[in-house]
Amino acid sequence: MSDLLQRARDIAADQYIRLSLKYPTPNATLFAWADHIPTYEAMLRDGRLDHDREVQTALAALRSIAA
């Protein structure tokens, strides 16, 4: 389970980076937002945001294909 959870964290973090770079928020330029991206990515990978929808969605998808 721990391996699966870490994979879900990594998938969520990778997707967060990809989407943040592709679609910057309308309230901030990519330059202003760039400092936030690595911080939030590290929080996702470290498990500090395991309750977030992104991690839970990735975990549910991994569970469905692992069975």
PDB file of N, CA and C in Angstrom:
ATOM      1  N   MET A   1       0.822  -1.200   0.000  1.00  0.00           N
ATOM      2  CA  MET A   1       0.000   0.000   0.000  1.00  0.00           C
ATOM      3  C   MET A   1       0.863   1.260   0.000  1.00  0.00           C
ATOM      4  N   SER A   2       1.952   1.207   0.727  1.00  0.00           N
ATOM      5  CA  SER A   2       2.840   2.368   0.802  1.00  0.00           C
ATOM      6  C   SER A   2       3.405   2.723  -0.566  1.00  0.00           C
ATOM      7  N   ASP A   3       3.786   1.679  -1.330  1.00  0.00           N
ATOM      8  CA  ASP A   3       4.301   1.892  -2.679  1.00  0.00           C
ATOM      9  C   ASP A   3       3.237   2.527  -3.576  1.00  0.00           C
ATOM     10  N   LEU A   4       2.018   2.041  -3.454  1.00  0.00           N
ATOM     11  CA  LEU A   4       0.910   2.557  -4.247  1.00  0.00           C
ATOM     12  C   LEU A   4       0.615   4.015  -3.895  1.00  0.00           C
ATOM     13  N   LEU A   5       0.659   4.305  -2.617  1.00  0.00           N
ATOM     14  CA  LEU A   5       0.412   5.678  -2.165  1.00  0.00           C
ATOM     15  C   LEU A   5       1.499   6.616  -2.677  1.00  0.00           C
ATOM     16  N   GLN A   6       2.751   6.191  -2.645  1.00  0.00           N
ATOM     17  CA  GLN A   6       3.830   7.035  -3.150  1.00  0.00           C
ATOM     18  C   GLN A   6       3.695   7.247  -4.649  1.00  0.00           C
ATOM     19  N   ARG A   7       3.289   6.210  -5.374  1.00  0.00           N
ATOM     20  CA  ARG A   7       3.057   6.376  -6.818  1.00  0.00           C
ATOM     21  C   ARG A   7       1.956   7.399  -7.071  1.00  0.00           C
ATOM     22  N   ALA A   8       0.892   7.342  -6.263  1.00  0.00           N
ATOM     23  CA  ALA A   8      -0.205   8.309  -6.412  1.00  0.00           C
ATOM     24  C   ALA A   8       0.299   9.723  -6.130  1.00  0.00           C
ATOM     25  N   ARG A   9       1.107   9.872  -5.100  1.00  0.00           N
ATOM     26  CA  ARG A   9       1.682  11.186  -4.791  1.00  0.00           C
ATOM     27  C   ARG A   9       2.515  11.706  -5.948  1.00  0.00           C
ATOM     28  N   ASP A  10       3.357  10.834  -6.497  1.00  0.00           N
ATOM     29  CA  ASP A  10       4.226  11.239  -7.598  1.00  0.00           C
ATOM     30  C   ASP A  10       3.431  11.604  -8.844  1.00  0.00           C
ATOM     31  N   ILE A  11       2.398  10.829  -9.146  1.00  0.00           N
ATOM     32  CA  ILE A  11       1.556  11.136 -10.305  1.00  0.00           C
ATOM     33  C   ILE A  11       0.888  12.489 -10.121  1.00  0.00           C
ATOM     34  N   ALA A  12       0.337  12.722  -8.931  1.00  0.00           N
ATOM     35  CA  ALA A  12      -0.328  14.004  -8.666  1.00  0.00           C
ATOM     36  C   ALA A  12       0.660  15.161  -8.789  1.00  0.00           C
ATOM     37  N   ALA A  13       1.861  14.991  -8.256  1.00  0.00           N
ATOM     38  CA  ALA A  13       2.875  16.051  -8.329  1.00  0.00           C
ATOM     39  C   ALA A  13       3.306  16.305  -9.766  1.00  0.00           C
ATOM     40  N   ASP A  14       3.532  15.235 -10.524  1.00  0.00           N
ATOM     41  CA  ASP A  14       3.936  15.398 -11.924  1.00  0.00           C
ATOM     42  C   ASP A  14       2.857  16.111 -12.736  1.00  0.00           C
ATOM     43  N   GLN A  15       1.613  15.729 -12.514  1.00  0.00           N
ATOM     44  CA  GLN A  15       0.519  16.366 -13.232  1.00  0.00           C
ATOM     45  C   GLN A  15       0.354  17.824 -12.810  1.00  0.00           C
ATOM     46  N   TYR A  16       0.559  18.092 -11.532  1.00  0.00           N
ATOM     47  CA  TYR A  16       0.470  19.471 -11.041  1.00  0.00           C
ATOM     48  C   TYR A  16       1.493  20.355 -11.751  1.00  0.00           C
ATOM     49  N   ILE A  17       2.722  19.874 -11.841  1.00  0.00           N
ATOM     50  CA  ILE A  17       3.772  20.646 -12.522  1.00  0.00           C
ATOM     51  C   ILE A  17       3.394  20.870 -13.986  1.00  0.00           C
ATOM     52  N   ARG A  18       3.008  19.793 -14.660  1.00  0.00           N
ATOM     53  CA  ARG A  18       2.681  19.887 -16.082  1.00  0.00           C
ATOM     54  C   ARG A  18       1.551  20.880 -16.324  1.00  0.00           C
ATOM     55  N   LEU A  19       0.486  20.774 -15.546  1.00  0.00           N
ATOM     56  CA  LEU A  19      -0.656  21.657 -15.749  1.00  0.00           C
ATOM     57  C   LEU A  19      -0.366  23.086 -15.309  1.00  0.00           C
ATOM     58  N   SER A  20       0.433  23.252 -14.275  1.00  0.00           N
ATOM     59  CA  SER A  20       0.777  24.606 -13.824  1.00  0.00           C
ATOM     60  C   SER A  20       1.586  25.351 -14.870  1.00  0.00           C
ATOM     61  N   LEU A  21       2.451  24.637 -15.541  1.00  0.00           N
ATOM     62  CA  LEU A  21       3.255  25.276 -16.586  1.00  0.00           C
ATOM     63  C   LEU A  21       2.444  25.516 -17.845  1.00  0.00           C
ATOM     64  N   LYS A  22       1.548  24.592 -18.141  1.00  0.00           N
ATOM     65  CA  LYS A  22       0.749  24.708 -19.353  1.00  0.00           C
ATOM     66  C   LYS A  22      -0.367  25.741 -19.201  1.00  0.00           C
ATOM     67  N   TYR A  23      -0.968  25.790 -18.030  1.00  0.00           N
ATOM     68  CA  TYR A  23      -2.100  26.696 -17.785  1.00  0.00           C
ATOM     69  C   TYR A  23      -1.855  27.511 -16.514  1.00  0.00           C
ATOM     70  N   PRO A  24      -1.040  28.556 -16.572  1.00  0.00           N
ATOM     71  CA  PRO A  24      -0.824  29.393 -15.381  1.00  0.00           C
ATOM     72  C   PRO A  24      -2.148  30.004 -14.913  1.00  0.00           C
ATOM     73  N   THR A  25      -2.227  30.290 -13.651  1.00  0.00           N
ATOM     74  CA  THR A  25      -3.457  30.860 -13.110  1.00  0.00           C
ATOM     75  C   THR A  25      -3.703  32.240 -13.710  1.00  0.00           C
ATOM     76  N   PRO A  26      -4.960  32.615 -13.867  1.00  0.00           N
ATOM     77  CA  PRO A  26      -5.250  33.931 -14.443  1.00  0.00           C
ATOM     78  C   PRO A  26      -4.873  35.083 -13.507  1.00  0.00           C
ATOM     79  N   ASN A  27      -4.695  34.788 -12.224  1.00  0.00           N
ATOM     80  CA  ASN A  27      -4.385  35.836 -11.247  1.00  0.00           C
ATOM     81  C   ASN A  27      -2.896  36.093 -11.086  1.00  0.00           C
ATOM     82  N   ALA A  28      -2.079  35.274 -11.719  1.00  0.00           N
ATOM     83  CA  ALA A  28      -0.629  35.460 -11.572  1.00  0.00           C
ATOM     84  C   ALA A  28       0.064  35.035 -12.859  1.00  0.00           C
ATOM     85  N   THR A  29       1.133  35.700 -13.160  1.00  0.00           N
ATOM     86  CA  THR A  29       1.922  35.299 -14.317  1.00  0.00           C
ATOM     87  C   THR A  29       2.701  34.035 -13.952  1.00  0.00           C
ATOM     88  N   LEU A  30       3.181  33.328 -14.946  1.00  0.00           N
ATOM     89  CA  LEU A  30       3.990  32.146 -14.688  1.00  0.00           C
ATOM     90  C   LEU A  30       5.228  32.518 -13.885  1.00  0.00           C
ATOM     91  N   PHE A  31       5.789  33.684 -14.147  1.00  0.00           N
ATOM     92  CA  PHE A  31       6.969  34.122 -13.403  1.00  0.00           C
ATOM     93  C   PHE A  31       6.655  34.278 -11.917  1.00  0.00           C
ATOM     94  N   ALA A  32       5.530  34.895 -11.597  1.00  0.00           N
ATOM     95  CA  ALA A  32       5.151  35.092 -10.194  1.00  0.00           C
ATOM     96  C   ALA A  32       4.775  33.772  -9.533  1.00  0.00           C
ATOM     97  N   TRP A  33       4.206  32.863 -10.301  1.00  0.00           N
ATOM     98  CA  TRP A  33       3.716  31.589  -9.770  1.00  0.00           C
ATOM     99  C   TRP A  33       4.842  30.560  -9.659  1.00  0.00           C
ATOM    100  N   ALA A  34       5.943  30.786 -10.369  1.00  0.00           N
ATOM    101  CA  ALA A  34       7.014  29.796 -10.464  1.00  0.00           C
ATOM    102  C   ALA A  34       7.601  29.404  -9.111  1.00  0.00           C
ATOM    103  N   ASP A  35       7.692  30.309  -8.165  1.00  0.00           N
ATOM    104  CA  ASP A  35       8.231  29.969  -6.845  1.00  0.00           C
ATOM    105  C   ASP A  35       7.311  29.029  -6.076  1.00  0.00           C
ATOM    106  N   HIS A  36       6.038  29.124  -6.336  1.00  0.00           N
ATOM    107  CA  HIS A  36       5.063  28.304  -5.630  1.00  0.00           C
ATOM    108  C   HIS A  36       5.061  26.852  -6.118  1.00  0.00           C
ATOM    109  N   ILE A  37       5.340  26.640  -7.390  1.00  0.00           N
ATOM    110  CA  ILE A  37       5.218  25.314  -7.999  1.00  0.00           C
ATOM    111  C   ILE A  37       6.105  24.271  -7.300  1.00  0.00           C
ATOM    112  N   PRO A  38       7.416  24.495  -7.108  1.00  0.00           N
ATOM    113  CA  PRO A  38       8.234  23.462  -6.456  1.00  0.00           C
ATOM    114  C   PRO A  38       7.822  23.200  -5.001  1.00  0.00           C
ATOM    115  N   THR A  39       7.350  24.233  -4.314  1.00  0.00           N
ATOM    116  CA  THR A  39       6.925  24.062  -2.928  1.00  0.00           C
ATOM    117  C   THR A  39       5.716  23.148  -2.841  1.00  0.00           C
ATOM    118  N   TYR A  40       4.711  23.404  -3.661  1.00  0.00           N
ATOM    119  CA  TYR A  40       3.500  22.604  -3.659  1.00  0.00           C
ATOM    120  C   TYR A  40       3.790  21.184  -4.153  1.00  0.00           C
ATOM    121  N   GLU A  41       4.663  21.068  -5.153  1.00  0.00           N
ATOM    122  CA  GLU A  41       5.049  19.747  -5.661  1.00  0.00           C
ATOM    123  C   GLU A  41       5.710  18.920  -4.560  1.00  0.00           C
ATOM    124  N   ALA A  42       6.605  19.518  -3.802  1.00  0.00           N
ATOM    125  CA  ALA A  42       7.272  18.807  -2.702  1.00  0.00           C
ATOM    126  C   ALA A  42       6.268  18.383  -1.635  1.00  0.00           C
ATOM    127  N   MET A  43       5.296  19.232  -1.358  1.00  0.00           N
ATOM    128  CA  MET A  43       4.263  18.877  -0.380  1.00  0.00           C
ATOM    129  C   MET A  43       3.452  17.677  -0.856  1.00  0.00           C
ATOM    130  N   LEU A  44       3.153  17.619  -2.154  1.00  0.00           N
ATOM    131  CA  LEU A  44       2.428  16.472  -2.703  1.00  0.00           C
ATOM    132  C   LEU A  44       3.263  15.204  -2.586  1.00  0.00           C
ATOM    133  N   ARG A  45       4.532  15.275  -2.975  1.00  0.00           N
ATOM    134  CA  ARG A  45       5.396  14.090  -2.948  1.00  0.00           C
ATOM    135  C   ARG A  45       5.682  13.603  -1.530  1.00  0.00           C
ATOM    136  N   ASP A  46       5.761  14.515  -0.572  1.00  0.00           N
ATOM    137  CA  ASP A  46       6.070  14.147   0.811  1.00  0.00           C
ATOM    138  C   ASP A  46       4.874  13.611   1.583  1.00  0.00           C
ATOM    139  N   GLY A  47       3.686  13.727   1.005  1.00  0.00           N
ATOM    140  CA  GLY A  47       2.503  13.204   1.671  1.00  0.00           C
ATOM    141  C   GLY A  47       1.787  14.191   2.563  1.00  0.00           C
ATOM    142  N   ARG A  48       2.211  15.440   2.524  1.00  0.00           N
ATOM    143  CA  ARG A  48       1.555  16.443   3.369  1.00  0.00           C
ATOM    144  C   ARG A  48       0.184  16.828   2.837  1.00  0.00           C
ATOM    145  N   LEU A  49      -0.131  16.412   1.600  1.00  0.00           N
ATOM    146  CA  LEU A  49      -1.429  16.734   1.005  1.00  0.00           C
ATOM    147  C   LEU A  49      -2.165  15.467   0.566  1.00  0.00           C
ATOM    148  N   ASP A  50      -1.983  14.377   1.302  1.00  0.00           N
ATOM    149  CA  ASP A  50      -2.610  13.108   0.934  1.00  0.00           C
ATOM    150  C   ASP A  50      -4.133  13.184   0.910  1.00  0.00           C
ATOM    151  N   HIS A  51      -4.705  14.097   1.659  1.00  0.00           N
ATOM    152  CA  HIS A  51      -6.168  14.223   1.700  1.00  0.00           C
ATOM    153  C   HIS A  51      -6.710  14.993   0.497  1.00  0.00           C
ATOM    154  N   ASP A  52      -5.843  15.629  -0.268  1.00  0.00           N
ATOM    155  CA  ASP A  52      -6.298  16.417  -1.412  1.00  0.00           C
ATOM    156  C   ASP A  52      -6.892  15.542  -2.513  1.00  0.00           C
ATOM    157  N   ARG A  53      -7.787  16.111  -3.241  1.00  0.00           N
ATOM    158  CA  ARG A  53      -8.495  15.412  -4.312  1.00  0.00           C
ATOM    159  C   ARG A  53      -7.542  14.807  -5.334  1.00  0.00           C
ATOM    160  N   GLU A  54      -6.481  15.520  -5.670  1.00  0.00           N
ATOM    161  CA  GLU A  54      -5.559  15.041  -6.702  1.00  0.00           C
ATOM    162  C   GLU A  54      -4.896  13.724  -6.293  1.00  0.00           C
ATOM    163  N   VAL A  55      -4.424  13.651  -5.058  1.00  0.00           N
ATOM    164  CA  VAL A  55      -3.779  12.424  -4.586  1.00  0.00           C
ATOM    165  C   VAL A  55      -4.806  11.309  -4.470  1.00  0.00           C
ATOM    166  N   GLN A  56      -5.968  11.596  -3.934  1.00  0.00           N
ATOM    167  CA  GLN A  56      -6.995  10.572  -3.770  1.00  0.00           C
ATOM    168  C   GLN A  56      -7.476  10.044  -5.126  1.00  0.00           C
ATOM    169  N   THR A  57      -7.572  10.916  -6.116  1.00  0.00           N
ATOM    170  CA  THR A  57      -7.974  10.486  -7.460  1.00  0.00           C
ATOM    171  C   THR A  57      -6.923   9.567  -8.069  1.00  0.00           C
ATOM    172  N   ALA A  58      -5.653   9.953  -7.961  1.00  0.00           N
ATOM    173  CA  ALA A  58      -4.582   9.111  -8.497  1.00  0.00           C
ATOM    174  C   ALA A  58      -4.535   7.777  -7.762  1.00  0.00           C
ATOM    175  N   LEU A  59      -4.728   7.775  -6.456  1.00  0.00           N
ATOM    176  CA  LEU A  59      -4.721   6.542  -5.675  1.00  0.00           C
ATOM    177  C   LEU A  59      -5.877   5.633  -6.088  1.00  0.00           C
ATOM    178  N   ALA A  60      -7.058   6.189  -6.285  1.00  0.00           N
ATOM    179  CA  ALA A  60      -8.207   5.385  -6.708  1.00  0.00           C
ATOM    180  C   ALA A  60      -7.960   4.769  -8.083  1.00  0.00           C
ATOM    181  N   ALA A  61      -7.363   5.541  -8.992  1.00  0.00           N
ATOM    182  CA  ALA A  61      -7.067   5.014 -10.321  1.00  0.00           C
ATOM    183  C   ALA A  61      -6.042   3.881 -10.244  1.00  0.00           C
ATOM    184  N   LEU A  62      -5.024   4.060  -9.433  1.00  0.00           N
ATOM    185  CA  LEU A  62      -4.003   3.004  -9.286  1.00  0.00           C
ATOM    186  C   LEU A  62      -4.587   1.753  -8.650  1.00  0.00           C
ATOM    187  N   ARG A  63      -5.458   1.928  -7.651  1.00  0.00           N
ATOM    188  CA  ARG A  63      -6.095   0.762  -7.026  1.00  0.00           C
ATOM    189  C   ARG A  63      -6.926  -0.016  -8.039  1.00  0.00           C
ATOM    190  N   SER A  64      -7.615   0.683  -8.920  1.00  0.00           N
ATOM    191  CA  SER A  64      -8.488   0.010  -9.871  1.00  0.00           C
ATOM    192  C   SER A  64      -7.695  -0.828 -10.887  1.00  0.00           C
ATOM    193  N   ILE A  65      -6.488  -0.392 -11.234  1.00  0.00           N
ATOM    194  CA  ILE A  65      -5.706  -1.179 -12.180  1.00  0.00           C
ATOM    195  C   ILE A  65      -4.820  -2.206 -11.484  1.00  0.00           C
ATOM    196  N   ALA A  66      -4.590  -2.042 -10.170  1.00  0.00           N
ATOM    197  CA  ALA A  66      -3.752  -2.979  -9.420  1.00  0.00           C
ATOM    198  C   ALA A  66      -4.517  -4.256  -9.077  1.00  0.00           C
ATOM    199  N   ALA A  67      -5.835  -4.179  -9.054  1.00  0.00           N
ATOM    200  CA  ALA A  67      -6.650  -5.345  -8.658  1.00  0.00           C
ATOM    201  C   ALA A  67      -6.683  -6.415  -9.721  1.00  0.00           C
TER     202      ALA A  67
END
